[in-house]
Amino acid sequence: MLEARRAALDAVADYASSAADTVELDQTRVGRLSRMDAIQSQAMARETLRRRQLELTRIEAALKRIDSGEYGLCLRCDEAIAPARLRFDPAVLVCVECAATAPMVTA
């Protein structure tokens, strides 16, 4: 699941990065409202790119935990993470109990 998700994220990376390119502010070619719309689209594309990169980082960390034999163990309490939780999010770092009692851990 992790490798399939990583491949899917990589497949859309080129398109997403071009959508986040700088908006041209040439008033002779594009009207003010069109520029505002383009700037808003650019901001949304940049946030999507940031979130995609964060997910890729989480996936890479999970793959490293698989290689080291630590996958499926909570990083806080070292107990097993429920299989249903791992199916829902294979890159999850902590068990439900630890997630409910403390701020989120990032990879």
PDB file of N, CA and C in Angstrom:
ATOM      1  N   MET A   1       0.814  -1.200   0.000  1.00  0.00           N
ATOM      2  CA  MET A   1       0.000   0.000   0.000  1.00  0.00           C
ATOM      3  C   MET A   1       0.855   1.261   0.000  1.00  0.00           C
ATOM      4  N   LEU A   2       1.918   1.235   0.810  1.00  0.00           N
ATOM      5  CA  LEU A   2       2.788   2.411   0.912  1.00  0.00           C
ATOM      6  C   LEU A   2       3.472   2.700  -0.425  1.00  0.00           C
ATOM      7  N   GLU A   3       3.991   1.670  -1.058  1.00  0.00           N
ATOM      8  CA  GLU A   3       4.690   1.879  -2.326  1.00  0.00           C
ATOM      9  C   GLU A   3       3.732   2.310  -3.431  1.00  0.00           C
ATOM     10  N   ALA A   4       2.515   1.789  -3.435  1.00  0.00           N
ATOM     11  CA  ALA A   4       1.522   2.207  -4.426  1.00  0.00           C
ATOM     12  C   ALA A   4       1.147   3.673  -4.233  1.00  0.00           C
ATOM     13  N   ARG A   5       0.981   4.073  -2.982  1.00  0.00           N
ATOM     14  CA  ARG A   5       0.647   5.484  -2.703  1.00  0.00           C
ATOM     15  C   ARG A   5       1.799   6.408  -3.083  1.00  0.00           C
ATOM     16  N   ARG A   6       3.032   5.972  -2.802  1.00  0.00           N
ATOM     17  CA  ARG A   6       4.200   6.776  -3.179  1.00  0.00           C
ATOM     18  C   ARG A   6       4.264   6.935  -4.693  1.00  0.00           C
ATOM     19  N   ALA A   7       4.003   5.873  -5.432  1.00  0.00           N
ATOM     20  CA  ALA A   7       4.019   5.947  -6.892  1.00  0.00           C
ATOM     21  C   ALA A   7       2.931   6.883  -7.404  1.00  0.00           C
ATOM     22  N   ALA A   8       1.760   6.844  -6.790  1.00  0.00           N
ATOM     23  CA  ALA A   8       0.673   7.736  -7.203  1.00  0.00           C
ATOM     24  C   ALA A   8       1.027   9.190  -6.948  1.00  0.00           C
ATOM     25  N   LEU A   9       1.648   9.470  -5.811  1.00  0.00           N
ATOM     26  CA  LEU A   9       2.054  10.845  -5.502  1.00  0.00           C
ATOM     27  C   LEU A   9       3.148  11.321  -6.457  1.00  0.00           C
ATOM     28  N   ASP A  10       4.077  10.454  -6.779  1.00  0.00           N
ATOM     29  CA  ASP A  10       5.138  10.810  -7.721  1.00  0.00           C
ATOM     30  C   ASP A  10       4.581  11.074  -9.116  1.00  0.00           C
ATOM     31  N   ALA A  11       3.541  10.351  -9.496  1.00  0.00           N
ATOM     32  CA  ALA A  11       2.969  10.484 -10.834  1.00  0.00           C
ATOM     33  C   ALA A  11       2.354  11.863 -11.074  1.00  0.00           C
ATOM     34  N   VAL A  12       1.830  12.476 -10.035  1.00  0.00           N
ATOM     35  CA  VAL A  12       1.205  13.794 -10.197  1.00  0.00           C
ATOM     36  C   VAL A  12       2.139  14.945  -9.825  1.00  0.00           C
ATOM     37  N   ALA A  13       3.359  14.641  -9.442  1.00  0.00           N
ATOM     38  CA  ALA A  13       4.287  15.672  -8.965  1.00  0.00           C
ATOM     39  C   ALA A  13       4.612  16.707 -10.035  1.00  0.00           C
ATOM     40  N   ASP A  14       4.844  16.296 -11.272  1.00  0.00           N
ATOM     41  CA  ASP A  14       5.203  17.246 -12.324  1.00  0.00           C
ATOM     42  C   ASP A  14       4.076  18.234 -12.605  1.00  0.00           C
ATOM     43  N   TYR A  15       2.863  17.735 -12.698  1.00  0.00           N
ATOM     44  CA  TYR A  15       1.724  18.612 -12.946  1.00  0.00           C
ATOM     45  C   TYR A  15       1.542  19.602 -11.793  1.00  0.00           C
ATOM     46  N   ALA A  16       1.629  19.103 -10.588  1.00  0.00           N
ATOM     47  CA  ALA A  16       1.402  19.944  -9.416  1.00  0.00           C
ATOM     48  C   ALA A  16       2.447  21.034  -9.286  1.00  0.00           C
ATOM     49  N   SER A  17       3.700  20.721  -9.601  1.00  0.00           N
ATOM     50  CA  SER A  17       4.738  21.739  -9.458  1.00  0.00           C
ATOM     51  C   SER A  17       4.569  22.844 -10.497  1.00  0.00           C
ATOM     52  N   SER A  18       4.079  22.523 -11.691  1.00  0.00           N
ATOM     53  CA  SER A  18       3.863  23.579 -12.686  1.00  0.00           C
ATOM     54  C   SER A  18       2.689  24.477 -12.288  1.00  0.00           C
ATOM     55  N   ALA A  19       1.707  23.937 -11.589  1.00  0.00           N
ATOM     56  CA  ALA A  19       0.568  24.745 -11.134  1.00  0.00           C
ATOM     57  C   ALA A  19       0.979  25.717 -10.040  1.00  0.00           C
ATOM     58  N   ALA A  20       2.073  25.437  -9.354  1.00  0.00           N
ATOM     59  CA  ALA A  20       2.535  26.299  -8.271  1.00  0.00           C
ATOM     60  C   ALA A  20       3.527  27.349  -8.747  1.00  0.00           C
ATOM     61  N   ASP A  21       3.797  27.404 -10.055  1.00  0.00           N
ATOM     62  CA  ASP A  21       4.736  28.386 -10.592  1.00  0.00           C
ATOM     63  C   ASP A  21       4.251  29.807 -10.326  1.00  0.00           C
ATOM     64  N   THR A  22       5.172  30.749 -10.374  1.00  0.00           N
ATOM     65  CA  THR A  22       4.877  32.150 -10.122  1.00  0.00           C
ATOM     66  C   THR A  22       3.875  32.691 -11.136  1.00  0.00           C
ATOM     67  N   VAL A  23       2.919  33.461 -10.640  1.00  0.00           N
ATOM     68  CA  VAL A  23       1.896  34.065 -11.492  1.00  0.00           C
ATOM     69  C   VAL A  23       2.471  35.304 -12.160  1.00  0.00           C
ATOM     70  N   GLU A  24       2.308  35.396 -13.461  1.00  0.00           N
ATOM     71  CA  GLU A  24       2.786  36.552 -14.212  1.00  0.00           C
ATOM     72  C   GLU A  24       1.839  37.721 -13.984  1.00  0.00           C
ATOM     73  N   LEU A  25       2.388  38.892 -13.697  1.00  0.00           N
ATOM     74  CA  LEU A  25       1.577  40.066 -13.388  1.00  0.00           C
ATOM     75  C   LEU A  25       1.550  41.070 -14.535  1.00  0.00           C
ATOM     76  N   ASP A  26       1.491  40.604 -15.742  1.00  0.00           N
ATOM     77  CA  ASP A  26       1.443  41.453 -16.929  1.00  0.00           C
ATOM     78  C   ASP A  26       0.006  41.941 -17.138  1.00  0.00           C
ATOM     79  N   GLN A  27      -0.252  43.214 -16.812  1.00  0.00           N
ATOM     80  CA  GLN A  27      -1.606  43.751 -16.893  1.00  0.00           C
ATOM     81  C   GLN A  27      -2.115  43.871 -18.325  1.00  0.00           C
ATOM     82  N   THR A  28      -1.244  43.854 -19.291  1.00  0.00           N
ATOM     83  CA  THR A  28      -1.699  43.960 -20.679  1.00  0.00           C
ATOM     84  C   THR A  28      -2.235  42.634 -21.200  1.00  0.00           C
ATOM     85  N   ARG A  29      -1.907  41.527 -20.527  1.00  0.00           N
ATOM     86  CA  ARG A  29      -2.331  40.207 -20.998  1.00  0.00           C
ATOM     87  C   ARG A  29      -3.464  39.611 -20.170  1.00  0.00           C
ATOM     88  N   VAL A  30      -3.508  39.935 -18.871  1.00  0.00           N
ATOM     89  CA  VAL A  30      -4.475  39.309 -17.980  1.00  0.00           C
ATOM     90  C   VAL A  30      -5.124  40.386 -17.115  1.00  0.00           C
ATOM     91  N   GLY A  31      -6.431  40.307 -16.958  1.00  0.00           N
ATOM     92  CA  GLY A  31      -7.144  41.262 -16.124  1.00  0.00           C
ATOM     93  C   GLY A  31      -6.889  41.027 -14.648  1.00  0.00           C
ATOM     94  N   ARG A  32      -7.292  42.022 -13.840  1.00  0.00           N
ATOM     95  CA  ARG A  32      -7.032  41.971 -12.404  1.00  0.00           C
ATOM     96  C   ARG A  32      -7.711  40.772 -11.740  1.00  0.00           C
ATOM     97  N   LEU A  33      -8.970  40.506 -12.070  1.00  0.00           N
ATOM     98  CA  LEU A  33      -9.669  39.379 -11.462  1.00  0.00           C
ATOM     99  C   LEU A  33      -9.054  38.049 -11.886  1.00  0.00           C
ATOM    100  N   SER A  34      -8.621  37.965 -13.125  1.00  0.00           N
ATOM    101  CA  SER A  34      -7.968  36.737 -13.587  1.00  0.00           C
ATOM    102  C   SER A  34      -6.655  36.521 -12.850  1.00  0.00           C
ATOM    103  N   ARG A  35      -5.917  37.607 -12.601  1.00  0.00           N
ATOM    104  CA  ARG A  35      -4.661  37.488 -11.840  1.00  0.00           C
ATOM    105  C   ARG A  35      -4.946  37.046 -10.410  1.00  0.00           C
ATOM    106  N   MET A  36      -6.007  37.637  -9.803  1.00  0.00           N
ATOM    107  CA  MET A  36      -6.356  37.251  -8.437  1.00  0.00           C
ATOM    108  C   MET A  36      -6.731  35.768  -8.376  1.00  0.00           C
ATOM    109  N   ASP A  37      -7.465  35.313  -9.367  1.00  0.00           N
ATOM    110  CA  ASP A  37      -7.836  33.905  -9.426  1.00  0.00           C
ATOM    111  C   ASP A  37      -6.598  33.032  -9.607  1.00  0.00           C
ATOM    112  N   ALA A  38      -5.674  33.481 -10.450  1.00  0.00           N
ATOM    113  CA  ALA A  38      -4.438  32.732 -10.676  1.00  0.00           C
ATOM    114  C   ALA A  38      -3.586  32.680  -9.412  1.00  0.00           C
ATOM    115  N   ILE A  39      -3.539  33.774  -8.669  1.00  0.00           N
ATOM    116  CA  ILE A  39      -2.766  33.807  -7.417  1.00  0.00           C
ATOM    117  C   ILE A  39      -3.395  32.871  -6.393  1.00  0.00           C
ATOM    118  N   GLN A  40      -4.714  32.860  -6.312  1.00  0.00           N
ATOM    119  CA  GLN A  40      -5.388  31.948  -5.398  1.00  0.00           C
ATOM    120  C   GLN A  40      -5.128  30.492  -5.805  1.00  0.00           C
ATOM    121  N   SER A  41      -5.207  30.196  -7.077  1.00  0.00           N
ATOM    122  CA  SER A  41      -4.925  28.840  -7.566  1.00  0.00           C
ATOM    123  C   SER A  41      -3.486  28.448  -7.263  1.00  0.00           C
ATOM    124  N   GLN A  42      -2.584  29.406  -7.421  1.00  0.00           N
ATOM    125  CA  GLN A  42      -1.172  29.147  -7.121  1.00  0.00           C
ATOM    126  C   GLN A  42      -0.988  28.808  -5.642  1.00  0.00           C
ATOM    127  N   ALA A  43      -1.639  29.552  -4.760  1.00  0.00           N
ATOM    128  CA  ALA A  43      -1.527  29.295  -3.322  1.00  0.00           C
ATOM    129  C   ALA A  43      -2.075  27.915  -2.974  1.00  0.00           C
ATOM    130  N   MET A  44      -3.183  27.542  -3.579  1.00  0.00           N
ATOM    131  CA  MET A  44      -3.756  26.222  -3.327  1.00  0.00           C
ATOM    132  C   MET A  44      -2.830  25.128  -3.861  1.00  0.00           C
ATOM    133  N   ALA A  45      -2.224  25.351  -5.010  1.00  0.00           N
ATOM    134  CA  ALA A  45      -1.299  24.373  -5.579  1.00  0.00           C
ATOM    135  C   ALA A  45      -0.063  24.219  -4.698  1.00  0.00           C
ATOM    136  N   ARG A  46       0.428  25.323  -4.148  1.00  0.00           N
ATOM    137  CA  ARG A  46       1.591  25.247  -3.254  1.00  0.00           C
ATOM    138  C   ARG A  46       1.267  24.472  -1.981  1.00  0.00           C
ATOM    139  N   GLU A  47       0.083  24.688  -1.431  1.00  0.00           N
ATOM    140  CA  GLU A  47      -0.314  23.951  -0.226  1.00  0.00           C
ATOM    141  C   GLU A  47      -0.481  22.465  -0.546  1.00  0.00           C
ATOM    142  N   THR A  48      -1.057  22.160  -1.680  1.00  0.00           N
ATOM    143  CA  THR A  48      -1.189  20.762  -2.096  1.00  0.00           C
ATOM    144  C   THR A  48       0.177  20.121  -2.255  1.00  0.00           C
ATOM    145  N   LEU A  49       1.110  20.846  -2.832  1.00  0.00           N
ATOM    146  CA  LEU A  49       2.481  20.351  -2.990  1.00  0.00           C
ATOM    147  C   LEU A  49       3.130  20.114  -1.624  1.00  0.00           C
ATOM    148  N   ARG A  50       2.913  21.019  -0.679  1.00  0.00           N
ATOM    149  CA  ARG A  50       3.460  20.865   0.666  1.00  0.00           C
ATOM    150  C   ARG A  50       2.890  19.624   1.342  1.00  0.00           C
ATOM    151  N   ARG A  51       1.578  19.427   1.224  1.00  0.00           N
ATOM    152  CA  ARG A  51       0.942  18.261   1.832  1.00  0.00           C
ATOM    153  C   ARG A  51       1.402  16.963   1.171  1.00  0.00           C
ATOM    154  N   ARG A  52       1.581  16.994  -0.140  1.00  0.00           N
ATOM    155  CA  ARG A  52       2.066  15.814  -0.860  1.00  0.00           C
ATOM    156  C   ARG A  52       3.477  15.460  -0.384  1.00  0.00           C
ATOM    157  N   GLN A  53       4.316  16.460  -0.208  1.00  0.00           N
ATOM    158  CA  GLN A  53       5.679  16.216   0.263  1.00  0.00           C
ATOM    159  C   GLN A  53       5.673  15.658   1.686  1.00  0.00           C
ATOM    160  N   LEU A  54       4.791  16.168   2.528  1.00  0.00           N
ATOM    161  CA  LEU A  54       4.666  15.647   3.893  1.00  0.00           C
ATOM    162  C   LEU A  54       4.239  14.183   3.870  1.00  0.00           C
ATOM    163  N   GLU A  55       3.281  13.847   3.018  1.00  0.00           N
ATOM    164  CA  GLU A  55       2.841  12.460   2.922  1.00  0.00           C
ATOM    165  C   GLU A  55       3.961  11.559   2.405  1.00  0.00           C
ATOM    166  N   LEU A  56       4.725  12.045   1.427  1.00  0.00           N
ATOM    167  CA  LEU A  56       5.864  11.261   0.929  1.00  0.00           C
ATOM    168  C   LEU A  56       6.900  11.036   2.032  1.00  0.00           C
ATOM    169  N   THR A  57       7.132  12.031   2.857  1.00  0.00           N
ATOM    170  CA  THR A  57       8.064  11.891   3.976  1.00  0.00           C
ATOM    171  C   THR A  57       7.564  10.839   4.951  1.00  0.00           C
ATOM    172  N   ARG A  58       6.268  10.856   5.247  1.00  0.00           N
ATOM    173  CA  ARG A  58       5.686   9.860   6.147  1.00  0.00           C
ATOM    174  C   ARG A  58       5.796   8.455   5.561  1.00  0.00           C
ATOM    175  N   ILE A  59       5.573   8.339   4.260  1.00  0.00           N
ATOM    176  CA  ILE A  59       5.665   7.036   3.593  1.00  0.00           C
ATOM    177  C   ILE A  59       7.095   6.514   3.646  1.00  0.00           C
ATOM    178  N   GLU A  60       8.057   7.381   3.347  1.00  0.00           N
ATOM    179  CA  GLU A  60       9.468   6.964   3.397  1.00  0.00           C
ATOM    180  C   GLU A  60       9.854   6.512   4.808  1.00  0.00           C
ATOM    181  N   ALA A  61       9.381   7.224   5.818  1.00  0.00           N
ATOM    182  CA  ALA A  61       9.675   6.849   7.201  1.00  0.00           C
ATOM    183  C   ALA A  61       9.056   5.490   7.532  1.00  0.00           C
ATOM    184  N   ALA A  62       7.837   5.248   7.060  1.00  0.00           N
ATOM    185  CA  ALA A  62       7.189   3.956   7.303  1.00  0.00           C
ATOM    186  C   ALA A  62       7.941   2.829   6.607  1.00  0.00           C
ATOM    187  N   LEU A  63       8.407   3.069   5.384  1.00  0.00           N
ATOM    188  CA  LEU A  63       9.178   2.045   4.673  1.00  0.00           C
ATOM    189  C   LEU A  63      10.491   1.739   5.397  1.00  0.00           C
ATOM    190  N   LYS A  64      11.108   2.757   5.973  1.00  0.00           N
ATOM    191  CA  LYS A  64      12.333   2.535   6.756  1.00  0.00           C
ATOM    192  C   LYS A  64      12.026   1.730   8.009  1.00  0.00           C
ATOM    193  N   ARG A  65      10.866   1.997   8.645  1.00  0.00           N
ATOM    194  CA  ARG A  65      10.489   1.222   9.826  1.00  0.00           C
ATOM    195  C   ARG A  65      10.218  -0.236   9.458  1.00  0.00           C
ATOM    196  N   ILE A  66       9.676  -0.473   8.263  1.00  0.00           N
ATOM    197  CA  ILE A  66       9.471  -1.851   7.801  1.00  0.00           C
ATOM    198  C   ILE A  66      10.823  -2.544   7.670  1.00  0.00           C
ATOM    199  N   ASP A  67      11.774  -1.869   7.037  1.00  0.00           N
ATOM    200  CA  ASP A  67      13.112  -2.447   6.847  1.00  0.00           C
ATOM    201  C   ASP A  67      13.809  -2.743   8.173  1.00  0.00           C
ATOM    202  N   SER A  68      13.587  -1.886   9.168  1.00  0.00           N
ATOM    203  CA  SER A  68      14.267  -2.063  10.455  1.00  0.00           C
ATOM    204  C   SER A  68      13.499  -2.985  11.404  1.00  0.00           C
ATOM    205  N   GLY A  69      12.302  -3.417  11.000  1.00  0.00           N
ATOM    206  CA  GLY A  69      11.510  -4.293  11.853  1.00  0.00           C
ATOM    207  C   GLY A  69      10.714  -3.571  12.919  1.00  0.00           C
ATOM    208  N   GLU A  70      10.619  -2.252  12.841  1.00  0.00           N
ATOM    209  CA  GLU A  70       9.906  -1.463  13.840  1.00  0.00           C
ATOM    210  C   GLU A  70       8.519  -1.032  13.377  1.00  0.00           C
ATOM    211  N   TYR A  71       8.129  -1.440  12.177  1.00  0.00           N
ATOM    212  CA  TYR A  71       6.828  -1.029  11.639  1.00  0.00           C
ATOM    213  C   TYR A  71       5.696  -1.640  12.469  1.00  0.00           C
ATOM    214  N   GLY A  72       4.695  -0.834  12.724  1.00  0.00           N
ATOM    215  CA  GLY A  72       3.541  -1.308  13.465  1.00  0.00           C
ATOM    216  C   GLY A  72       3.655  -1.126  14.965  1.00  0.00           C
ATOM    217  N   LEU A  73       4.777  -0.582  15.423  1.00  0.00           N
ATOM    218  CA  LEU A  73       4.954  -0.299  16.844  1.00  0.00           C
ATOM    219  C   LEU A  73       4.816   1.200  17.082  1.00  0.00           C
ATOM    220  N   CYS A  74       4.098   1.546  18.117  1.00  0.00           N
ATOM    221  CA  CYS A  74       3.882   2.947  18.476  1.00  0.00           C
ATOM    222  C   CYS A  74       5.209   3.588  18.864  1.00  0.00           C
ATOM    223  N   LEU A  75       5.468   4.761  18.363  1.00  0.00           N
ATOM    224  CA  LEU A  75       6.714   5.461  18.679  1.00  0.00           C
ATOM    225  C   LEU A  75       6.730   6.025  20.099  1.00  0.00           C
ATOM    226  N   ARG A  76       5.579   6.131  20.733  1.00  0.00           N
ATOM    227  CA  ARG A  76       5.528   6.665  22.096  1.00  0.00           C
ATOM    228  C   ARG A  76       5.587   5.554  23.146  1.00  0.00           C
ATOM    229  N   CYS A  77       4.692   4.572  23.044  1.00  0.00           N
ATOM    230  CA  CYS A  77       4.581   3.561  24.096  1.00  0.00           C
ATOM    231  C   CYS A  77       5.206   2.223  23.706  1.00  0.00           C
ATOM    232  N   ASP A  78       5.604   2.083  22.453  1.00  0.00           N
ATOM    233  CA  ASP A  78       6.257   0.873  21.934  1.00  0.00           C
ATOM    234  C   ASP A  78       5.328  -0.343  21.904  1.00  0.00           C
ATOM    235  N   GLU A  79       4.017  -0.112  22.013  1.00  0.00           N
ATOM    236  CA  GLU A  79       3.033  -1.191  21.884  1.00  0.00           C
ATOM    237  C   GLU A  79       2.627  -1.308  20.416  1.00  0.00           C
ATOM    238  N   ALA A  80       2.034  -2.447  20.067  1.00  0.00           N
ATOM    239  CA  ALA A  80       1.589  -2.672  18.690  1.00  0.00           C
ATOM    240  C   ALA A  80       0.439  -1.722  18.338  1.00  0.00           C
ATOM    241  N   ILE A  81       0.484  -1.199  17.129  1.00  0.00           N
ATOM    242  CA  ILE A  81      -0.601  -0.361  16.603  1.00  0.00           C
ATOM    243  C   ILE A  81      -1.639  -1.321  16.007  1.00  0.00           C
ATOM    244  N   ALA A  82      -2.901  -1.042  16.256  1.00  0.00           N
ATOM    245  CA  ALA A  82      -3.980  -1.917  15.780  1.00  0.00           C
ATOM    246  C   ALA A  82      -3.921  -2.072  14.259  1.00  0.00           C
ATOM    247  N   PRO A  83      -4.076  -3.304  13.766  1.00  0.00           N
ATOM    248  CA  PRO A  83      -4.047  -3.542  12.314  1.00  0.00           C
ATOM    249  C   PRO A  83      -5.059  -2.693  11.543  1.00  0.00           C
ATOM    250  N   ALA A  84      -6.237  -2.469  12.112  1.00  0.00           N
ATOM    251  CA  ALA A  84      -7.242  -1.643  11.441  1.00  0.00           C
ATOM    252  C   ALA A  84      -6.732  -0.210  11.267  1.00  0.00           C
ATOM    253  N   ARG A  85      -6.018   0.296  12.246  1.00  0.00           N
ATOM    254  CA  ARG A  85      -5.447   1.656  12.160  1.00  0.00           C
ATOM    255  C   ARG A  85      -4.376   1.709  11.080  1.00  0.00           C
ATOM    256  N   LEU A  86      -3.570   0.671  10.977  1.00  0.00           N
ATOM    257  CA  LEU A  86      -2.537   0.627   9.940  1.00  0.00           C
ATOM    258  C   LEU A  86      -3.142   0.478   8.551  1.00  0.00           C
ATOM    259  N   ARG A  87      -4.262  -0.249   8.452  1.00  0.00           N
ATOM    260  CA  ARG A  87      -4.929  -0.353   7.146  1.00  0.00           C
ATOM    261  C   ARG A  87      -5.495   0.998   6.723  1.00  0.00           C
ATOM    262  N   PHE A  88      -6.024   1.733   7.698  1.00  0.00           N
ATOM    263  CA  PHE A  88      -6.584   3.053   7.407  1.00  0.00           C
ATOM    264  C   PHE A  88      -5.493   4.031   6.983  1.00  0.00           C
ATOM    265  N   ASP A  89      -4.359   4.022   7.697  1.00  0.00           N
ATOM    266  CA  ASP A  89      -3.226   4.896   7.383  1.00  0.00           C
ATOM    267  C   ASP A  89      -1.939   4.111   7.639  1.00  0.00           C
ATOM    268  N   PRO A  90      -1.383   3.496   6.594  1.00  0.00           N
ATOM    269  CA  PRO A  90      -0.196   2.654   6.763  1.00  0.00           C
ATOM    270  C   PRO A  90       1.038   3.408   7.269  1.00  0.00           C
ATOM    271  N   ALA A  91       1.023   4.720   7.215  1.00  0.00           N
ATOM    272  CA  ALA A  91       2.177   5.510   7.658  1.00  0.00           C
ATOM    273  C   ALA A  91       1.997   6.065   9.066  1.00  0.00           C
ATOM    274  N   VAL A  92       0.954   5.632   9.765  1.00  0.00           N
ATOM    275  CA  VAL A  92       0.679   6.150  11.101  1.00  0.00           C
ATOM    276  C   VAL A  92       1.837   5.812  12.041  1.00  0.00           C
ATOM    277  N   LEU A  93       2.106   6.715  12.981  1.00  0.00           N
ATOM    278  CA  LEU A  93       3.262   6.573  13.862  1.00  0.00           C
ATOM    279  C   LEU A  93       2.923   6.119  15.273  1.00  0.00           C
ATOM    280  N   VAL A  94       1.700   6.389  15.705  1.00  0.00           N
ATOM    281  CA  VAL A  94       1.344   6.102  17.093  1.00  0.00           C
ATOM    282  C   VAL A  94       0.017   5.356  17.168  1.00  0.00           C
ATOM    283  N   CYS A  95      -0.184   4.663  18.292  1.00  0.00           N
ATOM    284  CA  CYS A  95      -1.436   3.947  18.522  1.00  0.00           C
ATOM    285  C   CYS A  95      -2.552   4.946  18.839  1.00  0.00           C
ATOM    286  N   VAL A  96      -3.761   4.458  18.871  1.00  0.00           N
ATOM    287  CA  VAL A  96      -4.921   5.322  19.124  1.00  0.00           C
ATOM    288  C   VAL A  96      -4.820   5.982  20.497  1.00  0.00           C
ATOM    289  N   GLU A  97      -4.410   5.219  21.500  1.00  0.00           N
ATOM    290  CA  GLU A  97      -4.328   5.766  22.851  1.00  0.00           C
ATOM    291  C   GLU A  97      -3.341   6.933  22.923  1.00  0.00           C
ATOM    292  N   CYS A  98      -2.174   6.749  22.342  1.00  0.00           N
ATOM    293  CA  CYS A  98      -1.162   7.810  22.371  1.00  0.00           C
ATOM    294  C   CYS A  98      -1.581   9.008  21.515  1.00  0.00           C
ATOM    295  N   ALA A  99      -2.246   8.741  20.417  1.00  0.00           N
ATOM    296  CA  ALA A  99      -2.717   9.833  19.557  1.00  0.00           C
ATOM    297  C   ALA A  99      -3.763  10.680  20.276  1.00  0.00           C
ATOM    298  N   ALA A 100      -4.558  10.047  21.136  1.00  0.00           N
ATOM    299  CA  ALA A 100      -5.619  10.765  21.845  1.00  0.00           C
ATOM    300  C   ALA A 100      -5.071  11.560  23.039  1.00  0.00           C
ATOM    301  N   THR A 101      -3.913  11.193  23.537  1.00  0.00           N
ATOM    302  CA  THR A 101      -3.423  11.837  24.764  1.00  0.00           C
ATOM    303  C   THR A 101      -2.321  12.868  24.560  1.00  0.00           C
ATOM    304  N   ALA A 102      -1.775  12.962  23.355  1.00  0.00           N
ATOM    305  CA  ALA A 102      -0.658  13.882  23.141  1.00  0.00           C
ATOM    306  C   ALA A 102      -0.711  14.474  21.743  1.00  0.00           C
ATOM    307  N   PRO A 103      -0.003  15.590  21.541  1.00  0.00           N
ATOM    308  CA  PRO A 103       0.029  16.200  20.207  1.00  0.00           C
ATOM    309  C   PRO A 103       0.584  15.235  19.167  1.00  0.00           C
ATOM    310  N   MET A 104       0.255  15.496  17.919  1.00  0.00           N
ATOM    311  CA  MET A 104       0.642  14.637  16.818  1.00  0.00           C
ATOM    312  C   MET A 104       2.167  14.562  16.651  1.00  0.00           C
ATOM    313  N   VAL A 105       2.652  13.366  16.360  1.00  0.00           N
ATOM    314  CA  VAL A 105       4.074  13.142  16.066  1.00  0.00           C
ATOM    315  C   VAL A 105       4.246  13.152  14.565  1.00  0.00           C
ATOM    316  N   THR A 106       5.303  13.821  14.080  1.00  0.00           N
ATOM    317  CA  THR A 106       5.590  13.800  12.651  1.00  0.00           C
ATOM    318  C   THR A 106       6.825  12.959  12.401  1.00  0.00           C
ATOM    319  N   ALA A 107       6.938  12.486  11.176  1.00  0.00           N
ATOM    320  CA  ALA A 107       8.051  11.594  10.818  1.00  0.00           C
ATOM    321  C   ALA A 107       9.395  12.241  10.930  1.00  0.00           C
TER     322      ALA A 107
END
